[in-house]
Every structure is written in structure tokens, then in C-alpha cells.
Amino acid sequence: MTNRIEYNGYVIEPTTRLNDDPHGWTLEVRLTPTGSDGDARRCRAPNTYPTKEVAVARCLAFGRRVVDGKAKRKVDPAT
């Protein structure tokens, strides 16, 4: 079973991983325009979750917010 979903012209794929410090599953997603093999964008936030299942659910919700333009973006001052 895959956790990937299609939403508003994008494929949202959780890419969560287990961190040691701080301990928990990360909030990371890959967003790819539907029908495209390239042009994937990785988005993440500093949140961590106690289980992979919770992290995947939060990743999908976060991905939807990014696609909808509702997620706040941090800008690197060096860019």
C-alpha cells in the first residue's frame, strides 16, 4: 500500500524518516506535478511525531496546505 495521493494537480508523497535528535518521525513531503517525472519539490517543517503512522497523516495534510498556498514558508536570508 502506498501513502501517495493526488491533490489539486500534484502527487503528494510523504518522505518521513526517524530522527534521533529530537527523537521522532519528521514532517517531510515530495510534491510532483501530476503527469511529471521531474520538477519534484521537497517541503519540510521542524515538527516530529511519535509514530510513523501519525507522521504520514500529518505529511499528507501538510502537503495539501502547501499545494493550497496555506503553509507558511521560511525564507533563507542567504538567498
Protein backbone atom coordinates (compact mmCIF):
# COMPACT_ATOMS: atom_id res chain seq x y z
CA MET A 1 0.00 0.00 0.00
CA THR A 2 1.27 3.45 -0.90
CA ASN A 3 0.74 6.63 1.03
CA ARG A 4 0.92 8.81 -2.08
CA ILE A 5 -2.14 10.83 -3.00
CA GLU A 6 -3.13 13.08 -5.89
CA TYR A 7 -4.40 16.50 -4.88
CA ASN A 8 -5.16 19.61 -6.99
CA GLY A 9 -2.74 18.69 -9.78
CA TYR A 10 0.06 17.30 -7.58
CA VAL A 11 1.19 13.95 -6.26
CA ILE A 12 1.89 14.30 -2.54
CA GLU A 13 4.30 11.68 -1.20
CA PRO A 14 5.35 11.55 2.47
CA THR A 15 9.12 11.11 2.88
CA THR A 16 9.16 10.95 6.67
CA ARG A 17 12.17 9.43 8.44
CA LEU A 18 13.07 8.64 12.02
CA ASN A 19 15.27 11.23 13.74
CA ASP A 20 17.43 10.63 16.80
CA ASP A 21 17.62 14.24 18.00
CA PRO A 22 14.94 15.31 18.51
CA HIS A 23 13.56 11.79 18.59
CA GLY A 24 10.55 11.27 16.36
CA TRP A 25 9.32 10.96 12.80
CA THR A 26 9.90 14.00 10.59
CA LEU A 27 7.43 16.11 8.60
CA GLU A 28 8.70 15.90 5.02
CA VAL A 29 6.89 15.57 1.68
CA ARG A 30 7.70 15.48 -2.00
CA LEU A 31 5.33 17.36 -4.31
CA THR A 32 5.36 16.46 -8.01
CA PRO A 33 3.03 17.97 -10.61
CA THR A 34 0.64 15.28 -11.88
CA GLY A 35 1.95 13.68 -15.06
CA SER A 36 5.51 14.88 -14.48
CA ASP A 37 8.51 12.71 -13.66
CA GLY A 38 10.68 15.71 -12.82
CA ASP A 39 10.12 19.06 -11.17
CA ALA A 40 9.58 17.48 -7.74
CA ARG A 41 9.75 19.84 -4.79
CA ARG A 42 10.65 18.78 -1.25
CA CYS A 43 8.96 20.55 1.63
CA ARG A 44 9.55 20.05 5.33
CA ALA A 45 8.84 21.51 8.72
CA PRO A 46 10.63 21.07 12.07
CA ASN A 47 7.77 19.06 13.61
CA THR A 48 8.33 15.49 14.79
CA TYR A 49 5.78 12.80 15.67
CA PRO A 50 5.89 9.71 17.92
CA THR A 51 4.85 7.18 15.25
CA LYS A 52 5.30 6.79 11.51
CA GLU A 53 1.54 6.49 11.02
CA VAL A 54 0.89 9.86 12.66
CA ALA A 55 3.75 11.45 10.72
CA VAL A 56 2.41 10.16 7.38
CA ALA A 57 -1.05 11.55 8.12
CA ARG A 58 0.45 14.93 9.08
CA CYS A 59 2.70 14.87 5.97
CA LEU A 60 -0.33 14.45 3.73
CA ALA A 61 -2.18 17.27 5.49
CA PHE A 62 0.93 19.48 5.27
CA GLY A 63 1.31 18.68 1.56
CA ARG A 64 -2.28 19.75 0.93
CA ARG A 65 -1.63 23.02 2.77
CA VAL A 66 1.49 23.68 0.67
CA VAL A 67 -0.40 22.99 -2.57
CA ASP A 68 -3.21 25.30 -1.42
CA GLY A 69 -0.69 28.04 -0.56
CA LYS A 70 -1.67 27.99 3.12
CA ALA A 71 1.59 26.72 4.60
CA LYS A 72 3.98 29.38 5.82
CA ARG A 73 7.33 29.31 4.06
CA LYS A 74 10.62 30.17 5.67
CA VAL A 75 12.98 32.17 3.52
CA ASP A 76 16.69 31.56 3.79
CA PRO A 77 18.29 35.00 4.25
CA ALA A 78 21.32 33.84 2.24
CA THR A 79 19.24 33.56 -0.94
